Amino acid sequence: MLSDFRVLDLTWVLGGPFAGQLLAQLGAEVIKVEPLEGDLSRQVSSHSTEFDGASGFFLSVNRGKSSIAMDLKKPEGRAVIYDLVRNADAIVYGFAPSVPARLGLDPASLHAINPKLTVAQLIGLHDEPPYSEAPAFDLVIQAMAGVMSVTGERDGAPVRVGYQVADLAGGLYLALGCVGGMLKSLKSGRGEHVQISLLDCQLALLTWQAQNYFINGEVPAANGARHPVIAPSDIYPCADGKFMAVSPTGQQFWKMFCGAIGRPDLADDPRFSHPKSRVANVGALTGILTETFRGKTSQEWGEKLLAERIPAAPVNSVADATAQPVAKLRNMVEELDHPGGKGSLKFLGNPFKYQPAQPLSYPPKRGAQTRAILQRVCGYSPQAVDDLIAKNVVYQGEDHDTTQ
């Protein structure tokens, strides 16, 4: 657990805030440092809550944090952030590579203030021209990294992964790099600068596809849901129009699978008796399994194959996935009360299972903890905070303020 660590989260939108939320889920105190107008994602969403208009985009990655809103471009704002840095273990940010030095937030400047600080930096591509100033949106990263080339149907157009895998994977690596830096600092007493590139992360996740290409020169291609070197490993339509995902890899599972679907003869059929022969005859096997799976609904198949320990499951919608029994058993859907007493909202749960588990707090309003943080963390007097508010250096959210 990171309960003794304090992290300043200067990121915005998705990938960086996701990293901050992961650190909060690991127990860290995470202070979200926003511009005066707030994180852009507070306004970017087609879905918002009825009771305060909060953006679903923002709510999804900012639980467990407190918020301070400030103007980093003003000298007084820079002084405030330096005071926060003196009392922090790490800072994470996602500025374009040229921005930290301009704001006085480059690693050298920050380490001069707090030599033990971990600086975790998220960038899009690279920190040198011509890549340093290139916009790095999720779709663009997926395209550059080859992800889209292996996603979609065979011989079809390239397809992006259905959620922001580049942004979110970048956030995962950013959180892990931040934890690694803080642990090193505990041992050495010296702060670390770790830089995470969204493109690097997606290239790293190519793993065996890239490794196979390096070995044999064959360029991986999209293959729909079907695995390129394992059969059967695909999805099949059922009687209710839904699909089952099936992947009985290995001879033991293959024989169990054939018996479970009522086709024990397939296990000894020379076309399918060996892993390589199943791959070579995958077309014929797909035809047989498609016919078989159409005989029951996806729920019937799911219950039967689960009971017989076959690697298979229905292809769920988001609604189905979050409502399935195992998600409830794992507390992967939580319901939190709005701090203003305006209602309650469901959120995804914490994948880190520590005991006792506590849900993260509701995502903060813009600048809601500005005064409390400056007094508690930096030791400012109430009058000093009032002066900063009056000069529009920091913003203090009010109870009646519903601006997210």
Protein backbone atom coordinates (compact mmCIF):
# COMPACT_ATOMS: atom_id res chain seq x y z
CA MET A 1 0.00 0.00 0.00
CA LEU A 2 1.07 3.58 -0.68
CA SER A 3 -0.71 5.16 2.28
CA ASP A 4 2.39 7.12 3.33
CA PHE A 5 3.00 8.61 -0.12
CA ARG A 6 1.75 11.92 -1.49
CA VAL A 7 1.50 12.40 -5.27
CA LEU A 8 0.80 15.62 -7.17
CA ASP A 9 -1.26 14.84 -10.28
CA LEU A 10 -0.89 17.58 -12.91
CA THR A 11 -2.29 15.47 -15.74
CA TRP A 12 -5.56 15.93 -17.59
CA VAL A 13 -8.14 14.16 -19.77
CA LEU A 14 -7.58 10.36 -19.61
CA GLY A 15 -4.22 8.56 -19.55
CA GLY A 16 -2.51 10.63 -16.87
CA PRO A 17 -5.57 10.93 -14.61
CA PHE A 18 -6.03 7.16 -14.92
CA ALA A 19 -2.49 6.78 -13.53
CA GLY A 20 -3.38 9.10 -10.67
CA GLN A 21 -6.50 7.09 -9.89
CA LEU A 22 -4.47 3.86 -9.89
CA LEU A 23 -2.08 5.40 -7.38
CA ALA A 24 -5.05 6.41 -5.24
CA GLN A 25 -6.39 2.86 -5.51
CA LEU A 26 -3.00 1.72 -4.21
CA GLY A 27 -3.52 3.96 -1.19
CA ALA A 28 -1.56 7.11 -2.07
CA GLU A 29 -2.79 10.60 -1.25
CA VAL A 30 -3.29 12.08 -4.70
CA ILE A 31 -3.70 15.83 -5.08
CA LYS A 32 -5.08 16.81 -8.48
CA VAL A 33 -3.58 20.14 -9.52
CA GLU A 34 -5.87 21.72 -12.13
CA PRO A 35 -5.79 24.97 -14.07
CA LEU A 36 -8.20 27.62 -12.82
CA GLU A 37 -10.78 26.58 -15.40
CA GLY A 38 -10.44 22.91 -14.43
CA ASP A 39 -9.44 19.73 -16.23
CA LEU A 40 -10.63 19.81 -19.85
CA SER A 41 -12.30 16.43 -19.37
CA ARG A 42 -14.80 18.02 -16.98
CA GLN A 43 -16.47 19.45 -20.08
CA VAL A 44 -15.67 16.78 -22.69
CA SER A 45 -18.37 14.13 -22.68
CA SER A 46 -21.66 13.26 -24.28
CA HIS A 47 -22.84 11.92 -20.92
CA SER A 48 -23.15 13.78 -17.64
CA THR A 49 -24.89 13.28 -14.30
CA GLU A 50 -28.36 14.69 -13.76
CA PHE A 51 -27.65 16.21 -10.38
CA ASP A 52 -24.57 18.33 -11.10
CA GLY A 53 -23.71 17.95 -14.80
CA ALA A 54 -20.44 16.18 -14.06
CA SER A 55 -18.81 14.60 -17.12
CA GLY A 56 -18.69 10.81 -17.24
CA PHE A 57 -15.27 11.14 -18.84
CA PHE A 58 -13.93 13.05 -15.83
CA LEU A 59 -15.70 10.92 -13.25
CA SER A 60 -14.22 7.70 -14.65
CA VAL A 61 -10.58 8.49 -13.78
CA ASN A 62 -10.56 10.94 -10.87
CA ARG A 63 -11.90 9.10 -7.84
CA GLY A 64 -9.94 9.16 -4.60
CA LYS A 65 -8.29 12.51 -5.33
CA SER A 66 -8.52 15.97 -3.82
CA SER A 67 -8.42 19.00 -6.11
CA ILE A 68 -6.61 22.29 -6.04
CA ALA A 69 -7.05 24.74 -8.94
CA MET A 70 -4.29 27.27 -9.68
CA ASP A 71 -2.52 29.34 -12.32
CA LEU A 72 0.95 27.87 -12.85
CA LYS A 73 1.93 30.67 -15.24
CA LYS A 74 1.89 33.31 -12.49
CA PRO A 75 4.97 33.63 -10.23
CA GLU A 76 2.73 33.25 -7.19
CA GLY A 77 1.30 30.06 -8.66
CA ARG A 78 4.76 28.70 -9.26
CA ALA A 79 5.65 29.44 -5.63
CA VAL A 80 2.59 27.49 -4.52
CA ILE A 81 3.44 24.45 -6.62
CA TYR A 82 7.01 24.52 -5.29
CA ASP A 83 5.68 24.48 -1.73
CA LEU A 84 3.56 21.47 -2.63
CA VAL A 85 6.58 19.79 -4.23
CA ARG A 86 8.58 20.23 -1.02
CA ASN A 87 6.03 18.09 0.74
CA ALA A 88 5.36 15.47 -1.95
CA ASP A 89 6.89 12.13 -2.88
CA ALA A 90 6.08 12.30 -6.58
CA ILE A 91 4.69 14.52 -9.29
CA VAL A 92 3.10 13.20 -12.48
CA TYR A 93 2.41 15.35 -15.51
CA GLY A 94 1.61 15.03 -19.20
CA PHE A 95 2.79 18.31 -20.69
CA ALA A 96 4.32 18.53 -24.16
CA PRO A 97 8.07 17.94 -23.73
CA SER A 98 9.00 21.64 -24.01
CA VAL A 99 6.51 22.83 -21.39
CA PRO A 100 7.99 21.64 -18.05
CA ALA A 101 11.13 23.76 -18.41
CA ARG A 102 9.03 26.77 -19.42
CA LEU A 103 6.95 26.37 -16.26
CA GLY A 104 9.95 25.60 -14.05
CA LEU A 105 8.70 22.04 -13.58
CA ASP A 106 11.54 20.20 -15.31
CA PRO A 107 13.25 17.49 -13.26
CA ALA A 108 16.35 19.60 -12.53
CA SER A 109 14.29 22.47 -11.13
CA LEU A 110 12.08 20.16 -9.06
CA HIS A 111 14.98 18.13 -7.69
CA ALA A 112 16.67 21.34 -6.58
CA ILE A 113 13.61 21.89 -4.37
CA ASN A 114 13.04 18.28 -3.30
CA PRO A 115 15.97 15.92 -4.10
CA LYS A 116 13.85 12.87 -3.20
CA LEU A 117 10.99 13.68 -5.56
CA THR A 118 9.98 11.22 -8.28
CA VAL A 119 9.08 13.00 -11.52
CA ALA A 120 6.87 10.78 -13.71
CA GLN A 121 6.34 12.27 -17.14
CA LEU A 122 3.88 11.13 -19.79
CA ILE A 123 4.57 12.15 -23.39
CA GLY A 124 3.08 11.16 -26.71
CA LEU A 125 5.92 10.11 -28.98
CA HIS A 126 9.41 11.42 -28.18
CA ASP A 127 11.03 14.41 -26.48
CA GLU A 128 13.00 15.69 -29.50
CA PRO A 129 11.87 17.33 -32.78
CA PRO A 130 10.07 16.61 -35.01
CA TYR A 131 8.10 14.36 -32.65
CA SER A 132 8.14 16.44 -29.48
CA GLU A 133 5.34 18.80 -30.50
CA ALA A 134 3.22 16.30 -32.44
CA PRO A 135 -0.30 15.82 -31.05
CA ALA A 136 -0.59 12.28 -29.73
CA PHE A 137 -4.24 11.29 -29.71
CA ASP A 138 -5.21 7.72 -28.89
CA LEU A 139 -6.27 6.84 -32.45
CA VAL A 140 -3.01 8.20 -33.85
CA ILE A 141 -0.93 6.19 -31.38
CA GLN A 142 -2.85 3.00 -32.19
CA ALA A 143 -2.20 3.63 -35.88
CA MET A 144 1.52 4.37 -35.48
CA ALA A 145 2.12 1.39 -33.18
CA GLY A 146 0.64 -1.20 -35.54
CA VAL A 147 -2.24 -1.99 -33.19
CA MET A 148 -4.90 -1.19 -35.76
CA SER A 149 -3.21 -3.41 -38.34
CA VAL A 150 -3.87 -6.49 -36.19
CA THR A 151 -7.38 -5.46 -35.13
CA GLY A 152 -10.50 -6.09 -37.21
CA GLU A 153 -11.59 -8.68 -39.73
CA ARG A 154 -9.24 -10.45 -42.10
CA ASP A 155 -8.74 -8.40 -45.29
CA GLY A 156 -10.92 -5.63 -43.82
CA ALA A 157 -10.09 -2.03 -43.00
CA PRO A 158 -7.89 -1.41 -39.93
CA VAL A 159 -9.94 -0.99 -36.75
CA ARG A 160 -9.10 0.79 -33.51
CA VAL A 161 -9.46 -1.02 -30.20
CA GLY A 162 -12.91 -0.20 -28.83
CA TYR A 163 -11.65 1.77 -25.82
CA GLN A 164 -8.71 4.17 -25.47
CA VAL A 165 -6.08 1.49 -25.09
CA ALA A 166 -3.16 3.81 -25.89
CA ASP A 167 -4.12 6.39 -23.28
CA LEU A 168 -5.03 3.85 -20.61
CA ALA A 169 -2.01 1.61 -21.13
CA GLY A 170 0.14 4.74 -20.92
CA GLY A 171 -1.51 5.48 -17.59
CA LEU A 172 -0.74 1.97 -16.34
CA TYR A 173 2.92 2.29 -17.26
CA LEU A 174 3.03 5.81 -15.78
CA ALA A 175 1.67 4.60 -12.44
CA LEU A 176 4.09 1.66 -12.38
CA GLY A 177 7.03 3.90 -13.26
CA CYS A 178 6.01 6.34 -10.54
CA VAL A 179 5.88 3.58 -7.91
CA GLY A 180 9.27 2.31 -9.05
CA GLY A 181 10.75 5.79 -8.74
CA MET A 182 9.35 6.29 -5.25
CA LEU A 183 10.73 2.93 -4.11
CA LYS A 184 14.15 3.79 -5.50
CA SER A 185 14.06 7.11 -3.67
CA LEU A 186 13.37 5.30 -0.40
CA LYS A 187 16.55 3.26 -0.90
CA SER A 188 18.88 5.85 -2.41
CA GLY A 189 17.49 9.15 -1.12
CA ARG A 190 17.65 10.49 -4.66
CA GLY A 191 14.71 11.32 -6.83
CA GLU A 192 14.13 9.64 -10.16
CA HIS A 193 12.83 10.99 -13.47
CA VAL A 194 10.85 8.39 -15.40
CA GLN A 195 9.49 9.22 -18.84
CA ILE A 196 6.66 7.22 -20.40
CA SER A 197 5.80 7.52 -24.09
CA LEU A 198 2.34 6.45 -25.25
CA LEU A 199 3.92 5.07 -28.42
CA ASP A 200 6.55 3.11 -26.47
CA CYS A 201 3.83 1.46 -24.41
CA GLN A 202 1.86 0.28 -27.42
CA LEU A 203 4.99 -1.03 -29.12
CA ALA A 204 5.91 -2.88 -25.93
CA LEU A 205 2.45 -4.49 -25.84
CA LEU A 206 2.98 -6.05 -29.28
CA THR A 207 5.02 -8.69 -27.41
CA TRP A 208 4.80 -12.05 -29.23
CA GLN A 209 3.39 -10.58 -32.45
CA ALA A 210 6.51 -8.46 -32.83
CA GLN A 211 8.78 -11.25 -31.60
CA ASN A 212 7.43 -13.67 -34.16
CA TYR A 213 7.97 -11.05 -36.87
CA PHE A 214 11.59 -10.57 -35.70
CA ILE A 215 12.11 -14.34 -35.92
CA ASN A 216 10.46 -15.26 -39.21
CA GLY A 217 9.79 -11.97 -41.02
CA GLU A 218 6.04 -12.62 -41.33
CA VAL A 219 4.06 -9.44 -40.76
CA PRO A 220 1.09 -10.06 -38.40
CA ALA A 221 -2.32 -9.17 -39.81
CA ALA A 222 -5.85 -8.76 -38.55
CA ASN A 223 -7.71 -12.03 -38.15
CA GLY A 224 -10.99 -11.02 -36.54
CA ALA A 225 -11.60 -12.83 -33.25
CA ARG A 226 -9.78 -15.91 -34.52
CA HIS A 227 -6.35 -16.61 -33.08
CA PRO A 228 -3.73 -16.86 -35.85
CA VAL A 229 -1.87 -19.91 -34.47
CA ILE A 230 -4.37 -21.67 -32.18
CA ALA A 231 -7.55 -23.49 -33.19
CA PRO A 232 -10.25 -23.38 -32.15
CA SER A 233 -9.88 -19.93 -30.62
CA ASP A 234 -12.69 -17.82 -32.02
CA ILE A 235 -16.25 -16.63 -31.48
CA TYR A 236 -19.33 -18.54 -32.64
CA PRO A 237 -22.95 -17.41 -33.06
CA CYS A 238 -25.55 -18.95 -30.75
CA ALA A 239 -29.30 -19.51 -30.98
CA ASP A 240 -30.08 -16.13 -29.40
CA GLY A 241 -27.95 -14.17 -31.87
CA LYS A 242 -25.20 -13.61 -29.31
CA PHE A 243 -21.71 -15.08 -29.50
CA MET A 244 -19.59 -17.47 -27.49
CA ALA A 245 -15.84 -17.03 -27.22
CA VAL A 246 -14.09 -20.41 -27.12
CA SER A 247 -10.40 -21.23 -26.69
CA PRO A 248 -9.74 -24.82 -25.53
CA THR A 249 -5.98 -24.61 -25.95
CA GLY A 250 -3.97 -27.80 -25.43
CA GLN A 251 -4.93 -31.42 -25.96
CA GLN A 252 -6.52 -31.91 -22.56
CA PHE A 253 -8.88 -28.97 -22.96
CA TRP A 254 -9.57 -29.92 -26.57
CA LYS A 255 -10.81 -33.38 -25.59
CA MET A 256 -12.85 -31.99 -22.71
CA PHE A 257 -14.35 -29.39 -25.04
CA CYS A 258 -15.36 -31.97 -27.66
CA GLY A 259 -17.18 -33.99 -25.02
CA ALA A 260 -18.85 -30.92 -23.50
CA ILE A 261 -20.37 -29.80 -26.80
CA GLY A 262 -21.61 -33.32 -27.64
CA ARG A 263 -19.04 -33.94 -30.37
CA PRO A 264 -16.50 -36.39 -28.86
CA ASP A 265 -15.83 -37.66 -32.37
CA LEU A 266 -13.98 -34.46 -33.23
CA ALA A 267 -11.21 -35.26 -30.76
CA ASP A 268 -10.06 -38.25 -32.86
CA ASP A 269 -10.89 -36.86 -36.30
CA PRO A 270 -7.52 -36.78 -38.12
CA ARG A 271 -8.28 -33.27 -39.34
CA PHE A 272 -8.51 -31.99 -35.77
CA SER A 273 -6.67 -34.49 -33.55
CA HIS A 274 -3.44 -32.44 -33.36
CA PRO A 275 -2.97 -28.70 -32.70
CA LYS A 276 -1.26 -28.16 -36.05
CA SER A 277 -3.90 -30.10 -37.96
CA ARG A 278 -6.63 -28.02 -36.32
CA VAL A 279 -4.92 -24.85 -37.50
CA ALA A 280 -4.46 -26.29 -41.00
CA ASN A 281 -8.15 -27.24 -41.15
CA VAL A 282 -9.55 -24.30 -39.25
CA GLY A 283 -12.09 -23.51 -41.98
CA ALA A 284 -13.74 -26.91 -41.73
CA LEU A 285 -13.59 -26.80 -37.93
CA THR A 286 -15.21 -23.37 -37.88
CA GLY A 287 -18.09 -24.63 -39.99
CA ILE A 288 -18.74 -27.55 -37.65
CA LEU A 289 -18.54 -25.44 -34.49
CA THR A 290 -20.73 -22.71 -35.95
CA GLU A 291 -23.43 -25.30 -36.62
CA THR A 292 -23.01 -26.79 -33.13
CA PHE A 293 -23.17 -23.52 -31.18
CA ARG A 294 -26.31 -22.42 -32.97
CA GLY A 295 -28.07 -25.22 -31.12
CA LYS A 296 -28.20 -23.38 -27.76
CA THR A 297 -28.33 -19.84 -26.43
CA SER A 298 -25.17 -18.11 -25.26
CA GLN A 299 -26.41 -18.32 -21.67
CA GLU A 300 -26.98 -22.06 -21.95
CA TRP A 301 -23.56 -22.61 -23.48
CA GLY A 302 -21.94 -20.30 -20.94
CA GLU A 303 -23.39 -22.14 -17.95
CA LYS A 304 -22.60 -25.57 -19.37
CA LEU A 305 -19.01 -24.83 -20.38
CA LEU A 306 -18.26 -23.00 -17.15
CA ALA A 307 -19.52 -25.98 -15.15
CA GLU A 308 -17.25 -28.30 -17.16
CA ARG A 309 -14.19 -26.02 -16.82
CA ILE A 310 -13.90 -25.24 -20.52
CA PRO A 311 -12.11 -21.99 -21.50
CA ALA A 312 -15.18 -20.27 -22.93
CA ALA A 313 -17.55 -17.41 -22.14
CA PRO A 314 -20.35 -15.40 -23.73
CA VAL A 315 -19.27 -12.25 -25.56
CA ASN A 316 -20.72 -9.67 -23.17
CA SER A 317 -21.85 -6.13 -23.75
CA VAL A 318 -20.63 -3.51 -21.26
CA ALA A 319 -24.01 -3.84 -19.52
CA ASP A 320 -23.64 -7.63 -19.34
CA ALA A 321 -20.02 -7.45 -18.23
CA THR A 322 -20.67 -5.12 -15.29
CA ALA A 323 -23.76 -7.06 -14.21
CA GLN A 324 -22.31 -10.58 -14.32
CA PRO A 325 -22.08 -12.40 -10.98
CA VAL A 326 -18.30 -12.57 -10.86
CA ALA A 327 -18.02 -8.79 -11.29
CA LYS A 328 -20.29 -8.38 -8.28
CA LEU A 329 -18.34 -10.95 -6.26
CA ARG A 330 -15.14 -9.05 -7.04
CA ASN A 331 -16.73 -5.71 -6.06
CA MET A 332 -15.93 -4.32 -9.50
CA VAL A 333 -19.00 -2.09 -9.40
CA GLU A 334 -19.27 0.36 -6.51
CA GLU A 335 -21.96 2.87 -5.69
CA LEU A 336 -20.94 6.17 -4.11
CA ASP A 337 -23.07 8.93 -2.66
CA HIS A 338 -22.59 12.39 -4.11
CA PRO A 339 -20.82 14.53 -1.45
CA GLY A 340 -23.52 17.18 -1.82
CA GLY A 341 -26.26 14.69 -1.07
CA LYS A 342 -27.66 14.96 -4.59
CA GLY A 343 -27.84 11.28 -5.33
CA SER A 344 -25.60 8.27 -5.89
CA LEU A 345 -23.66 6.96 -8.86
CA LYS A 346 -22.10 3.65 -9.87
CA PHE A 347 -18.36 3.44 -10.55
CA LEU A 348 -15.98 0.68 -11.52
CA GLY A 349 -14.31 -0.94 -8.54
CA ASN A 350 -10.69 -1.26 -7.45
CA PRO A 351 -8.76 -4.07 -9.21
CA PHE A 352 -6.15 -4.03 -6.41
CA LYS A 353 -7.54 -6.28 -3.71
CA TYR A 354 -6.14 -5.20 -0.37
CA GLN A 355 -7.84 -5.97 2.93
CA PRO A 356 -9.74 -4.23 4.29
CA ALA A 357 -10.87 -2.70 1.01
CA GLN A 358 -12.31 0.80 1.01
CA PRO A 359 -14.00 2.49 -1.95
CA LEU A 360 -12.32 5.61 -3.26
CA SER A 361 -13.97 8.92 -2.54
CA TYR A 362 -16.25 10.57 -5.09
CA PRO A 363 -14.35 12.55 -7.78
CA PRO A 364 -13.61 16.08 -6.51
CA LYS A 365 -15.12 19.33 -7.64
CA ARG A 366 -12.76 21.82 -9.22
CA GLY A 367 -10.60 23.34 -6.50
CA ALA A 368 -12.76 21.91 -3.74
CA GLN A 369 -9.83 21.22 -1.42
CA THR A 370 -7.66 24.22 -2.35
CA ARG A 371 -7.84 25.89 1.05
CA ALA A 372 -7.48 22.69 3.06
CA ILE A 373 -4.48 21.48 1.04
CA LEU A 374 -2.59 24.76 1.19
CA GLN A 375 -3.08 24.99 4.94
CA ARG A 376 -2.41 21.32 5.72
CA VAL A 377 0.36 20.51 3.24
CA CYS A 378 2.09 23.88 2.78
CA GLY A 379 1.37 25.46 6.17
CA TYR A 380 -0.27 28.57 4.71
CA SER A 381 -2.30 30.77 7.01
CA PRO A 382 -5.98 31.42 6.17
CA GLN A 383 -5.04 35.01 5.26
CA ALA A 384 -2.31 33.82 2.85
CA VAL A 385 -4.85 31.59 1.09
CA ASP A 386 -7.35 34.47 0.95
CA ASP A 387 -4.69 36.63 -0.72
CA LEU A 388 -4.00 34.00 -3.38
CA ILE A 389 -7.72 33.63 -4.06
CA ALA A 390 -8.12 37.40 -4.34
CA LYS A 391 -5.24 37.59 -6.86
CA ASN A 392 -6.84 34.78 -8.91
CA VAL A 393 -3.77 32.61 -8.41
CA VAL A 394 -5.81 29.78 -6.93
CA TYR A 395 -9.48 28.89 -7.09
CA GLN A 396 -11.48 27.65 -4.14
CA GLY A 397 -14.56 25.69 -5.11
CA GLU A 398 -17.68 26.40 -3.09
CA ASP A 399 -20.42 24.01 -2.02
CA HIS A 400 -22.87 25.66 -4.37
CA ASP A 401 -20.46 25.54 -7.30
CA THR A 402 -21.59 22.83 -9.72
CA THR A 403 -18.95 23.59 -12.35
CA GLN A 404 -17.08 20.37 -13.01
